[in-house]
Amino acid sequence: MKTLWDKIERLMMAVTFAEAGEHETAREIMREDERPDRPRPANRQDKTLRAASPGR
């Protein structure tokens, strides 16, 4: 299990690459942190958030 500091360090590394224009490298770094037991949605744009109606 990674510590919080390890996760922050990876995030900062990805930010650095993104700022330098290396967006794909930054994405790869962030993908390494993803949990394999949690599937990712195929298309995040299809997700819509709806607020509950006041009567419920």
N, C-alpha and C. Protein backbone atom coordinates (compact mmCIF):
# COMPACT_ATOMS: atom_id res chain seq x y z
N MET A 1 0.84 -1.18 0.00
CA MET A 1 0.00 0.00 0.00
C MET A 1 0.89 1.24 0.00
N LYS A 2 0.53 2.16 -0.87
CA LYS A 2 1.32 3.38 -0.96
C LYS A 2 0.89 4.36 0.12
N THR A 3 1.87 5.09 0.56
CA THR A 3 1.57 6.11 1.57
C THR A 3 1.02 7.35 0.88
N LEU A 4 0.44 8.21 1.65
CA LEU A 4 -0.08 9.46 1.12
C LEU A 4 1.05 10.26 0.47
N TRP A 5 2.21 10.25 1.08
CA TRP A 5 3.34 11.00 0.52
C TRP A 5 3.71 10.46 -0.87
N ASP A 6 3.67 9.14 -1.07
CA ASP A 6 3.97 8.55 -2.37
C ASP A 6 2.97 9.03 -3.42
N LYS A 7 1.70 9.08 -3.06
CA LYS A 7 0.67 9.53 -3.99
C LYS A 7 0.86 11.00 -4.35
N ILE A 8 1.18 11.82 -3.36
CA ILE A 8 1.41 13.25 -3.61
C ILE A 8 2.63 13.43 -4.51
N GLU A 9 3.66 12.67 -4.26
CA GLU A 9 4.88 12.76 -5.07
C GLU A 9 4.59 12.42 -6.53
N ARG A 10 3.81 11.37 -6.78
CA ARG A 10 3.45 10.99 -8.15
C ARG A 10 2.60 12.08 -8.81
N LEU A 11 1.69 12.66 -8.05
CA LEU A 11 0.85 13.73 -8.58
C LEU A 11 1.70 14.92 -8.99
N MET A 12 2.64 15.32 -8.15
CA MET A 12 3.51 16.45 -8.47
C MET A 12 4.39 16.15 -9.68
N MET A 13 4.83 14.91 -9.81
CA MET A 13 5.63 14.52 -10.96
C MET A 13 4.79 14.64 -12.24
N ALA A 14 3.53 14.19 -12.18
CA ALA A 14 2.65 14.29 -13.34
C ALA A 14 2.37 15.75 -13.69
N VAL A 15 2.20 16.59 -12.68
CA VAL A 15 1.96 18.02 -12.92
C VAL A 15 3.16 18.63 -13.63
N THR A 16 4.35 18.27 -13.19
CA THR A 16 5.57 18.81 -13.80
C THR A 16 5.66 18.44 -15.27
N PHE A 17 5.38 17.18 -15.60
CA PHE A 17 5.41 16.77 -17.00
C PHE A 17 4.33 17.47 -17.81
N ALA A 18 3.14 17.63 -17.24
CA ALA A 18 2.06 18.31 -17.95
C ALA A 18 2.42 19.76 -18.24
N GLU A 19 3.03 20.43 -17.28
CA GLU A 19 3.44 21.82 -17.48
C GLU A 19 4.51 21.95 -18.56
N ALA A 20 5.31 20.91 -18.72
CA ALA A 20 6.36 20.93 -19.74
C ALA A 20 5.83 20.51 -21.11
N GLY A 21 4.54 20.24 -21.20
CA GLY A 21 3.94 19.88 -22.48
C GLY A 21 3.94 18.38 -22.76
N GLU A 22 4.38 17.59 -21.82
CA GLU A 22 4.41 16.13 -21.97
C GLU A 22 3.14 15.53 -21.38
N HIS A 23 2.02 15.82 -22.03
CA HIS A 23 0.73 15.41 -21.48
C HIS A 23 0.54 13.90 -21.42
N GLU A 24 0.99 13.20 -22.45
CA GLU A 24 0.82 11.74 -22.45
C GLU A 24 1.65 11.10 -21.34
N THR A 25 2.83 11.60 -21.09
CA THR A 25 3.65 11.08 -20.00
C THR A 25 2.96 11.31 -18.66
N ALA A 26 2.37 12.48 -18.50
CA ALA A 26 1.65 12.79 -17.26
C ALA A 26 0.48 11.83 -17.08
N ARG A 27 -0.24 11.55 -18.16
CA ARG A 27 -1.36 10.59 -18.08
C ARG A 27 -0.87 9.20 -17.70
N GLU A 28 0.26 8.79 -18.26
CA GLU A 28 0.81 7.46 -17.94
C GLU A 28 1.17 7.38 -16.45
N ILE A 29 1.76 8.43 -15.94
CA ILE A 29 2.12 8.45 -14.51
C ILE A 29 0.87 8.32 -13.65
N MET A 30 -0.17 9.05 -14.02
CA MET A 30 -1.41 8.99 -13.24
C MET A 30 -2.09 7.63 -13.37
N ARG A 31 -2.00 7.01 -14.55
CA ARG A 31 -2.60 5.68 -14.73
C ARG A 31 -1.93 4.63 -13.86
N GLU A 32 -0.66 4.79 -13.59
CA GLU A 32 0.05 3.84 -12.74
C GLU A 32 -0.51 3.81 -11.33
N ASP A 33 -1.14 4.90 -10.91
CA ASP A 33 -1.71 5.00 -9.57
C ASP A 33 -3.12 4.43 -9.47
N GLU A 34 -3.77 4.16 -10.60
CA GLU A 34 -5.14 3.70 -10.56
C GLU A 34 -5.23 2.31 -9.93
N ARG A 35 -6.31 2.09 -9.26
CA ARG A 35 -6.53 0.80 -8.63
C ARG A 35 -7.09 -0.17 -9.67
N PRO A 36 -6.47 -1.33 -9.82
CA PRO A 36 -6.94 -2.28 -10.84
C PRO A 36 -8.29 -2.92 -10.49
N ASP A 37 -8.70 -2.88 -9.23
CA ASP A 37 -9.95 -3.54 -8.84
C ASP A 37 -11.18 -2.64 -9.07
N ARG A 38 -10.96 -1.41 -9.48
CA ARG A 38 -12.08 -0.50 -9.71
C ARG A 38 -12.13 -0.16 -11.21
N PRO A 39 -13.15 -0.66 -11.94
CA PRO A 39 -13.21 -0.37 -13.38
C PRO A 39 -13.51 1.10 -13.64
N ARG A 40 -12.94 1.62 -14.71
CA ARG A 40 -13.16 3.00 -15.10
C ARG A 40 -14.34 3.07 -16.05
N PRO A 41 -15.14 4.13 -15.96
CA PRO A 41 -16.23 4.29 -16.93
C PRO A 41 -15.67 4.44 -18.34
N ALA A 42 -16.37 3.86 -19.31
CA ALA A 42 -15.90 3.91 -20.69
C ALA A 42 -15.92 5.33 -21.24
N ASN A 43 -16.96 6.07 -20.94
CA ASN A 43 -17.08 7.43 -21.44
C ASN A 43 -17.62 8.31 -20.33
N ARG A 44 -16.79 9.15 -19.78
CA ARG A 44 -17.20 9.99 -18.65
C ARG A 44 -18.20 11.07 -19.06
N GLN A 45 -18.27 11.40 -20.33
CA GLN A 45 -19.20 12.43 -20.77
C GLN A 45 -20.65 11.94 -20.68
N ASP A 46 -20.85 10.63 -20.68
CA ASP A 46 -22.20 10.09 -20.59
C ASP A 46 -22.77 10.21 -19.18
N LYS A 47 -21.94 10.44 -18.22
CA LYS A 47 -22.39 10.54 -16.84
C LYS A 47 -23.03 11.91 -16.60
N THR A 48 -24.23 11.92 -16.08
CA THR A 48 -24.87 13.17 -15.72
C THR A 48 -25.24 13.12 -14.26
N LEU A 49 -25.07 14.23 -13.61
CA LEU A 49 -25.43 14.33 -12.20
C LEU A 49 -26.78 15.03 -12.10
N ARG A 50 -27.63 14.49 -11.28
CA ARG A 50 -28.95 15.09 -11.10
C ARG A 50 -29.19 15.30 -9.62
N ALA A 51 -29.70 16.46 -9.31
CA ALA A 51 -30.05 16.74 -7.93
C ALA A 51 -31.41 16.12 -7.63
N ALA A 52 -31.60 15.71 -6.40
CA ALA A 52 -32.89 15.15 -5.99
C ALA A 52 -33.95 16.24 -6.03
N SER A 53 -35.15 15.86 -6.40
CA SER A 53 -36.22 16.85 -6.45
C SER A 53 -36.59 17.24 -5.01
N PRO A 54 -37.07 18.45 -4.76
CA PRO A 54 -37.37 18.94 -3.41
C PRO A 54 -38.43 18.10 -2.70
N GLY A 55 -39.34 17.49 -3.45
CA GLY A 55 -40.43 16.74 -2.83
C GLY A 55 -40.03 15.36 -2.35
N ARG A 56 -38.80 14.92 -2.61
CA ARG A 56 -38.41 13.55 -2.24
C ARG A 56 -37.47 13.51 -1.08
